C-alpha atoms as a PDB file:
ATOM      1  CA  UNK A   1       0.000   0.000   0.000  1.00  0.00           C
ATOM      2  CA  UNK A   2       1.272   3.489  -0.881  1.00  0.00           C
ATOM      3  CA  UNK A   3       0.658   6.197   1.721  1.00  0.00           C
ATOM      4  CA  UNK A   4       1.967   9.733   1.893  1.00  0.00           C
ATOM      5  CA  UNK A   5       2.556  12.803   4.010  1.00  0.00           C
ATOM      6  CA  UNK A   6       5.138  13.850   6.595  1.00  0.00           C
ATOM      7  CA  UNK A   7       2.945  13.184   9.639  1.00  0.00           C
ATOM      8  CA  UNK A   8       2.136   9.754   8.266  1.00  0.00           C
ATOM      9  CA  UNK A   9       5.845   8.998   7.866  1.00  0.00           C
ATOM     10  CA  UNK A  10       6.532   9.876  11.499  1.00  0.00           C
ATOM     11  CA  UNK A  11       3.579   7.878  12.868  1.00  0.00           C
ATOM     12  CA  UNK A  12       4.066   4.682  10.872  1.00  0.00           C
ATOM     13  CA  UNK A  13       5.700   1.782  12.730  1.00  0.00           C
ATOM     14  CA  UNK A  14       9.167   1.400  11.256  1.00  0.00           C
ATOM     15  CA  UNK A  15       8.715  -2.351  10.749  1.00  0.00           C
ATOM     16  CA  UNK A  16       5.732  -1.693   8.449  1.00  0.00           C
ATOM     17  CA  UNK A  17       7.744   0.430   6.010  1.00  0.00           C
ATOM     18  CA  UNK A  18       9.003  -1.236   2.823  1.00  0.00           C
ATOM     19  CA  UNK A  19      10.266   1.726   0.787  1.00  0.00           C
ATOM     20  CA  UNK A  20      10.408   5.505   1.125  1.00  0.00           C
ATOM     21  CA  UNK A  21      10.467   7.945  -1.764  1.00  0.00           C
ATOM     22  CA  UNK A  22      11.309  11.585  -1.064  1.00  0.00           C
ATOM     23  CA  UNK A  23      11.532  14.670  -3.251  1.00  0.00           C
ATOM     24  CA  UNK A  24      12.856  16.967  -0.520  1.00  0.00           C
ATOM     25  CA  UNK A  25      16.265  16.803   1.123  1.00  0.00           C
ATOM     26  CA  UNK A  26      14.747  18.334   4.263  1.00  0.00           C
ATOM     27  CA  UNK A  27      13.653  14.852   5.344  1.00  0.00           C
ATOM     28  CA  UNK A  28      17.077  13.244   5.011  1.00  0.00           C
ATOM     29  CA  UNK A  29      18.287  14.064   8.570  1.00  0.00           C
ATOM     30  CA  UNK A  30      15.138  12.519  10.066  1.00  0.00           C
ATOM     31  CA  UNK A  31      15.443   9.424   7.885  1.00  0.00           C
ATOM     32  CA  UNK A  32      19.122   8.947   8.746  1.00  0.00           C
ATOM     33  CA  UNK A  33      18.452   9.498  12.434  1.00  0.00           C
ATOM     34  CA  UNK A  34      15.874   6.706  12.338  1.00  0.00           C
ATOM     35  CA  UNK A  35      17.947   4.408  10.129  1.00  0.00           C
ATOM     36  CA  UNK A  36      15.379   4.536   7.332  1.00  0.00           C
ATOM     37  CA  UNK A  37      16.512   3.905   3.779  1.00  0.00           C
ATOM     38  CA  UNK A  38      15.129   6.189   1.099  1.00  0.00           C
ATOM     39  CA  UNK A  39      15.070   6.921  -2.614  1.00  0.00           C
ATOM     40  CA  UNK A  40      15.550  10.550  -3.651  1.00  0.00           C
ATOM     41  CA  UNK A  41      13.318  11.222  -6.664  1.00  0.00           C
ATOM     42  CA  UNK A  42      11.669  14.170  -8.399  1.00  0.00           C
ATOM     43  CA  UNK A  43       8.315  15.555  -7.317  1.00  0.00           C
ATOM     44  CA  UNK A  44       6.864  14.380 -10.644  1.00  0.00           C
ATOM     45  CA  UNK A  45       7.634  10.795  -9.704  1.00  0.00           C
ATOM     46  CA  UNK A  46       5.675  11.218  -6.468  1.00  0.00           C
ATOM     47  CA  UNK A  47       2.829  12.890  -8.356  1.00  0.00           C
ATOM     48  CA  UNK A  48       2.568   9.769 -10.513  1.00  0.00           C
ATOM     49  CA  UNK A  49       2.587   7.467  -7.489  1.00  0.00           C
ATOM     50  CA  UNK A  50      -0.273   9.079  -5.529  1.00  0.00           C
ATOM     51  CA  UNK A  51      -3.038  11.578  -6.213  1.00  0.00           C
ATOM     52  CA  UNK A  52      -3.085  13.486  -2.921  1.00  0.00           C
ATOM     53  CA  UNK A  53      -0.831  16.159  -1.423  1.00  0.00           C
ATOM     54  CA  UNK A  54       2.192  13.999  -0.706  1.00  0.00           C
ATOM     55  CA  UNK A  55       4.253  16.793   0.915  1.00  0.00           C
ATOM     56  CA  UNK A  56       7.351  15.417  -0.747  1.00  0.00           C
ATOM     57  CA  UNK A  57       7.206  11.910   0.671  1.00  0.00           C
ATOM     58  CA  UNK A  58       5.520   8.645  -0.373  1.00  0.00           C
ATOM     59  CA  UNK A  59       5.883   5.463   1.653  1.00  0.00           C
ATOM     60  CA  UNK A  60       5.288   1.916   0.513  1.00  0.00           C
ATOM     61  CA  UNK A  61       4.002  -0.037   3.497  1.00  0.00           C
ATOM     62  CA  UNK A  62       2.787  -3.496   4.315  1.00  0.00           C
ATOM     63  CA  UNK A  63      -0.998  -3.837   3.975  1.00  0.00           C
ATOM     64  CA  UNK A  64      -2.929  -2.828   7.086  1.00  0.00           C
ATOM     65  CA  UNK A  65      -3.571  -5.680   9.507  1.00  0.00           C
ATOM     66  CA  UNK A  66      -7.042  -5.450  11.015  1.00  0.00           C
ATOM     67  CA  UNK A  67      -7.548  -6.460  14.619  1.00  0.00           C
ATOM     68  CA  UNK A  68     -10.079  -8.924  16.032  1.00  0.00           C
ATOM     69  CA  UNK A  69     -12.839  -8.345  18.559  1.00  0.00           C
ATOM     70  CA  UNK A  70     -10.836 -10.073  21.271  1.00  0.00           C
ATOM     71  CA  UNK A  71      -8.077  -7.493  20.788  1.00  0.00           C
ATOM     72  CA  UNK A  72     -10.273  -4.744  22.246  1.00  0.00           C
ATOM     73  CA  UNK A  73      -8.915  -3.480  25.549  1.00  0.00           C
ATOM     74  CA  UNK A  74     -10.448  -0.026  26.043  1.00  0.00           C
ATOM     75  CA  UNK A  75     -13.604   0.953  27.927  1.00  0.00           C
ATOM     76  CA  UNK A  76     -14.728   3.373  25.189  1.00  0.00           C
ATOM     77  CA  UNK A  77     -15.262   1.714  21.806  1.00  0.00           C
ATOM     78  CA  UNK A  78     -16.476   3.412  18.618  1.00  0.00           C
ATOM     79  CA  UNK A  79     -18.435   1.322  16.113  1.00  0.00           C
ATOM     80  CA  UNK A  80     -19.031   2.604  12.578  1.00  0.00           C
ATOM     81  CA  UNK A  81     -22.207   1.358  10.914  1.00  0.00           C
ATOM     82  CA  UNK A  82     -21.100   1.222   7.255  1.00  0.00           C
ATOM     83  CA  UNK A  83     -19.234   4.523   6.910  1.00  0.00           C
ATOM     84  CA  UNK A  84     -18.461   4.698   3.186  1.00  0.00           C
ATOM     85  CA  UNK A  85     -16.378   7.849   2.775  1.00  0.00           C
ATOM     86  CA  UNK A  86     -12.677   7.193   3.470  1.00  0.00           C
ATOM     87  CA  UNK A  87     -12.253  10.849   4.477  1.00  0.00           C
ATOM     88  CA  UNK A  88     -14.887  10.379   7.183  1.00  0.00           C
ATOM     89  CA  UNK A  89     -13.267   7.154   8.333  1.00  0.00           C
ATOM     90  CA  UNK A  90      -9.849   8.800   8.525  1.00  0.00           C
ATOM     91  CA  UNK A  91     -11.200  11.845  10.356  1.00  0.00           C
ATOM     92  CA  UNK A  92     -13.042   9.689  12.910  1.00  0.00           C
ATOM     93  CA  UNK A  93      -9.943   7.575  13.536  1.00  0.00           C
ATOM     94  CA  UNK A  94      -7.918  10.755  14.055  1.00  0.00           C
ATOM     95  CA  UNK A  95     -10.465  12.086  16.547  1.00  0.00           C
ATOM     96  CA  UNK A  96     -10.479   8.768  18.407  1.00  0.00           C
ATOM     97  CA  UNK A  97      -6.693   8.776  18.679  1.00  0.00           C
ATOM     98  CA  UNK A  98      -6.671  12.375  19.929  1.00  0.00           C
ATOM     99  CA  UNK A  99      -9.305  11.483  22.543  1.00  0.00           C
ATOM    100  CA  UNK A 100      -7.386   8.422  23.704  1.00  0.00           C
ATOM    101  CA  UNK A 101      -9.828   5.902  22.230  1.00  0.00           C
ATOM    102  CA  UNK A 102      -7.928   2.831  21.066  1.00  0.00           C
ATOM    103  CA  UNK A 103     -10.634   0.699  19.427  1.00  0.00           C
ATOM    104  CA  UNK A 104     -12.761   1.351  16.321  1.00  0.00           C
ATOM    105  CA  UNK A 105     -15.018  -1.362  14.892  1.00  0.00           C
ATOM    106  CA  UNK A 106     -15.965  -1.507  11.213  1.00  0.00           C
ATOM    107  CA  UNK A 107     -17.925  -4.124   9.229  1.00  0.00           C
ATOM    108  CA  UNK A 108     -16.279  -6.279   6.612  1.00  0.00           C
ATOM    109  CA  UNK A 109     -18.681  -5.301   3.821  1.00  0.00           C
ATOM    110  CA  UNK A 110     -20.086  -2.036   2.446  1.00  0.00           C
ATOM    111  CA  UNK A 111     -17.659   0.123   4.385  1.00  0.00           C
ATOM    112  CA  UNK A 112     -14.608   2.234   3.666  1.00  0.00           C
ATOM    113  CA  UNK A 113     -11.431   0.295   4.387  1.00  0.00           C
ATOM    114  CA  UNK A 114      -8.010   1.474   5.471  1.00  0.00           C
ATOM    115  CA  UNK A 115      -6.330   2.844   2.344  1.00  0.00           C
ATOM    116  CA  UNK A 116      -3.978   5.697   1.479  1.00  0.00           C
ATOM    117  CA  UNK A 117      -6.745   8.311   1.835  1.00  0.00           C
ATOM    118  CA  UNK A 118      -7.728   7.027   5.281  1.00  0.00           C
ATOM    119  CA  UNK A 119      -4.110   6.928   6.451  1.00  0.00           C
ATOM    120  CA  UNK A 120      -3.445  10.462   5.196  1.00  0.00           C
ATOM    121  CA  UNK A 121      -6.700  11.929   6.554  1.00  0.00           C
ATOM    122  CA  UNK A 122      -6.023  10.351   9.928  1.00  0.00           C
ATOM    123  CA  UNK A 123      -2.536  11.952   9.913  1.00  0.00           C
ATOM    124  CA  UNK A 124      -1.143   8.488  10.577  1.00  0.00           C
ATOM    125  CA  UNK A 125      -3.423   7.855  13.572  1.00  0.00           C
ATOM    126  CA  UNK A 126      -4.324   4.430  12.152  1.00  0.00           C
ATOM    127  CA  UNK A 127      -0.977   3.271  13.513  1.00  0.00           C
ATOM    128  CA  UNK A 128      -2.099   4.060  17.078  1.00  0.00           C
ATOM    129  CA  UNK A 129      -5.691   2.794  16.971  1.00  0.00           C
ATOM    130  CA  UNK A 130      -6.972  -0.766  16.712  1.00  0.00           C
ATOM    131  CA  UNK A 131      -9.212  -0.980  13.641  1.00  0.00           C
ATOM    132  CA  UNK A 132     -11.309  -4.053  14.343  1.00  0.00           C
ATOM    133  CA  UNK A 133     -13.036  -5.680  11.379  1.00  0.00           C
ATOM    134  CA  UNK A 134     -16.049  -7.915  12.046  1.00  0.00           C
ATOM    135  CA  UNK A 135     -18.376  -9.893   9.787  1.00  0.00           C
ATOM    136  CA  UNK A 136     -21.527  -8.968  11.714  1.00  0.00           C
ATOM    137  CA  UNK A 137     -22.017  -5.793  13.759  1.00  0.00           C
ATOM    138  CA  UNK A 138     -24.952  -7.155  15.778  1.00  0.00           C
ATOM    139  CA  UNK A 139     -23.018 -10.240  16.821  1.00  0.00           C
ATOM    140  CA  UNK A 140     -20.120  -8.000  17.829  1.00  0.00           C
ATOM    141  CA  UNK A 141     -22.463  -5.851  19.927  1.00  0.00           C
ATOM    142  CA  UNK A 142     -23.908  -8.886  21.684  1.00  0.00           C
ATOM    143  CA  UNK A 143     -20.419 -10.105  22.513  1.00  0.00           C
ATOM    144  CA  UNK A 144     -19.443  -6.726  23.942  1.00  0.00           C
ATOM    145  CA  UNK A 145     -22.685  -6.520  25.944  1.00  0.00           C
ATOM    146  CA  UNK A 146     -21.796  -9.792  27.641  1.00  0.00           C
ATOM    147  CA  UNK A 147     -18.526  -8.170  28.645  1.00  0.00           C
ATOM    148  CA  UNK A 148     -20.328  -5.289  30.361  1.00  0.00           C
ATOM    149  CA  UNK A 149     -20.450  -2.680  27.611  1.00  0.00           C
ATOM    150  CA  UNK A 150     -23.520  -0.440  27.227  1.00  0.00           C
ATOM    151  CA  UNK A 151     -24.392   0.497  23.654  1.00  0.00           C
ATOM    152  CA  UNK A 152     -25.304   4.045  22.597  1.00  0.00           C
ATOM    153  CA  UNK A 153     -26.419   4.638  19.005  1.00  0.00           C
ATOM    154  CA  UNK A 154     -26.395   8.144  17.533  1.00  0.00           C
ATOM    155  CA  UNK A 155     -29.609   9.091  15.744  1.00  0.00           C
ATOM    156  CA  UNK A 156     -31.634  12.282  15.270  1.00  0.00           C
ATOM    157  CA  UNK A 157     -34.685  10.911  17.104  1.00  0.00           C
ATOM    158  CA  UNK A 158     -32.698  10.003  20.197  1.00  0.00           C
ATOM    159  CA  UNK A 159     -32.434  11.698  23.562  1.00  0.00           C
ATOM    160  CA  UNK A 160     -29.948  14.557  23.865  1.00  0.00           C
ATOM    161  CA  UNK A 161     -26.588  13.119  24.873  1.00  0.00           C
ATOM    162  CA  UNK A 162     -26.322  15.933  27.413  1.00  0.00           C
ATOM    163  CA  UNK A 163     -29.237  14.369  29.334  1.00  0.00           C
ATOM    164  CA  UNK A 164     -27.815  10.856  29.396  1.00  0.00           C
ATOM    165  CA  UNK A 165     -25.674   9.239  32.080  1.00  0.00           C
ATOM    166  CA  UNK A 166     -23.085   7.072  30.383  1.00  0.00           C
ATOM    167  CA  UNK A 167     -21.777   3.748  31.572  1.00  0.00           C
ATOM    168  CA  UNK A 168     -18.065   3.391  32.328  1.00  0.00           C
ATOM    169  CA  UNK A 169     -17.795   0.757  29.577  1.00  0.00           C
ATOM    170  CA  UNK A 170     -19.533   1.860  26.401  1.00  0.00           C
ATOM    171  CA  UNK A 171     -19.858   1.466  22.658  1.00  0.00           C
ATOM    172  CA  UNK A 172     -20.742   4.573  20.629  1.00  0.00           C
ATOM    173  CA  UNK A 173     -22.250   3.825  17.215  1.00  0.00           C
ATOM    174  CA  UNK A 174     -21.979   6.320  14.360  1.00  0.00           C
ATOM    175  CA  UNK A 175     -24.160   5.620  11.326  1.00  0.00           C
ATOM    176  CA  UNK A 176     -23.806   5.695   7.568  1.00  0.00           C
ATOM    177  CA  UNK A 177     -23.529   9.137   5.927  1.00  0.00           C
ATOM    178  CA  UNK A 178     -26.927   8.860   4.222  1.00  0.00           C
ATOM    179  CA  UNK A 179     -28.963   6.239   6.081  1.00  0.00           C
ATOM    180  CA  UNK A 180     -27.648   6.730   9.597  1.00  0.00           C
ATOM    181  CA  UNK A 181     -27.640   3.856  12.065  1.00  0.00           C
ATOM    182  CA  UNK A 182     -29.648   0.890  10.765  1.00  0.00           C
ATOM    183  CA  UNK A 183     -32.878  -0.113  12.486  1.00  0.00           C
ATOM    184  CA  UNK A 184     -31.431  -3.506  13.399  1.00  0.00           C
ATOM    185  CA  UNK A 185     -28.482  -1.884  15.133  1.00  0.00           C
ATOM    186  CA  UNK A 186     -30.808   0.506  16.958  1.00  0.00           C
ATOM    187  CA  UNK A 187     -32.883  -2.419  18.219  1.00  0.00           C
ATOM    188  CA  UNK A 188     -29.742  -3.963  19.628  1.00  0.00           C
ATOM    189  CA  UNK A 189     -28.611  -0.734  21.312  1.00  0.00           C
ATOM    190  CA  UNK A 190     -29.323   0.187  24.920  1.00  0.00           C
ATOM    191  CA  UNK A 191     -29.865   3.929  24.394  1.00  0.00           C
ATOM    192  CA  UNK A 192     -30.445   6.137  21.335  1.00  0.00           C
ATOM    193  CA  UNK A 193     -28.722   9.503  21.704  1.00  0.00           C
ATOM    194  CA  UNK A 194     -28.699  12.669  19.614  1.00  0.00           C
ATOM    195  CA  UNK A 195     -26.930  15.991  19.269  1.00  0.00           C
ATOM    196  CA  UNK A 196     -29.218  19.006  19.944  1.00  0.00           C
ATOM    197  CA  UNK A 197     -29.808  21.027  16.772  1.00  0.00           C
ATOM    198  CA  UNK A 198     -30.654  24.734  16.783  1.00  0.00           C
ATOM    199  CA  UNK A 199     -30.333  25.601  13.104  1.00  0.00           C
ATOM    200  CA  UNK A 200     -32.511  24.906  10.067  1.00  0.00           C
ATOM    201  CA  UNK A 201     -30.276  22.051   8.926  1.00  0.00           C
ATOM    202  CA  UNK A 202     -30.929  19.039  11.124  1.00  0.00           C
ATOM    203  CA  UNK A 203     -27.938  16.836  10.378  1.00  0.00           C
ATOM    204  CA  UNK A 204     -24.155  16.894  10.677  1.00  0.00           C
ATOM    205  CA  UNK A 205     -21.336  15.225   8.797  1.00  0.00           C
ATOM    206  CA  UNK A 206     -20.588  11.778  10.276  1.00  0.00           C
ATOM    207  CA  UNK A 207     -17.074  12.684  11.382  1.00  0.00           C
ATOM    208  CA  UNK A 208     -18.256  15.960  12.942  1.00  0.00           C
ATOM    209  CA  UNK A 209     -21.003  14.116  14.832  1.00  0.00           C
ATOM    210  CA  UNK A 210     -18.481  11.585  16.049  1.00  0.00           C
ATOM    211  CA  UNK A 211     -16.176  14.320  17.303  1.00  0.00           C
ATOM    212  CA  UNK A 212     -18.937  16.145  19.199  1.00  0.00           C
ATOM    213  CA  UNK A 213     -20.203  12.957  20.821  1.00  0.00           C
ATOM    214  CA  UNK A 214     -16.802  11.503  21.692  1.00  0.00           C
ATOM    215  CA  UNK A 215     -15.676  14.623  23.517  1.00  0.00           C
ATOM    216  CA  UNK A 216     -19.150  15.320  24.860  1.00  0.00           C
ATOM    217  CA  UNK A 217     -19.412  11.869  26.401  1.00  0.00           C
ATOM    218  CA  UNK A 218     -15.899  12.033  27.859  1.00  0.00           C
ATOM    219  CA  UNK A 219     -16.751  15.326  29.559  1.00  0.00           C
ATOM    220  CA  UNK A 220     -20.039  14.090  31.014  1.00  0.00           C
END
């Protein structure tokens, strides 16, 4: 997998890096200090390798290794109900990492996967967060419930999160960009929560909603 960006380079585990291509000599001291081999190329070469703003560095890495449900260790877990936009996925992962949340669950099908866009948007945060892939979200929820987790699904018709007392062990579910959280997932949730809206537009971007709720819940 080809990823890019200076923050991504610094966050990637060194043992996951296969090759590094740079178009700026500014990075050479850092690379030498960390015993990282590199290929000095022109910016045009990097432009042909990736489409995004590479900031003068492209890294070839091993494919991302998804974690399993049993790898979850944190008390605050974020589950994404078929988030399709890789920019949203990357932004949510970045928010989770900043908030100290170590576990994000995604479904195997009909969902954005960890790719170069996700890695770049997350500013490399995917290296510090467990991305857990499961075949069935409901089964995963039932397993976590047995382990003492309470499940909170975000939906417009829910109760304001400001009026809810949250369990010490919890799963926060963020829904699909267009359809929101599915009815089946809602039925298997303990509480439906919402973000109070005061404007004429009654919905927020998925990653924005996730950010508000993650920090809102942590400050409750």
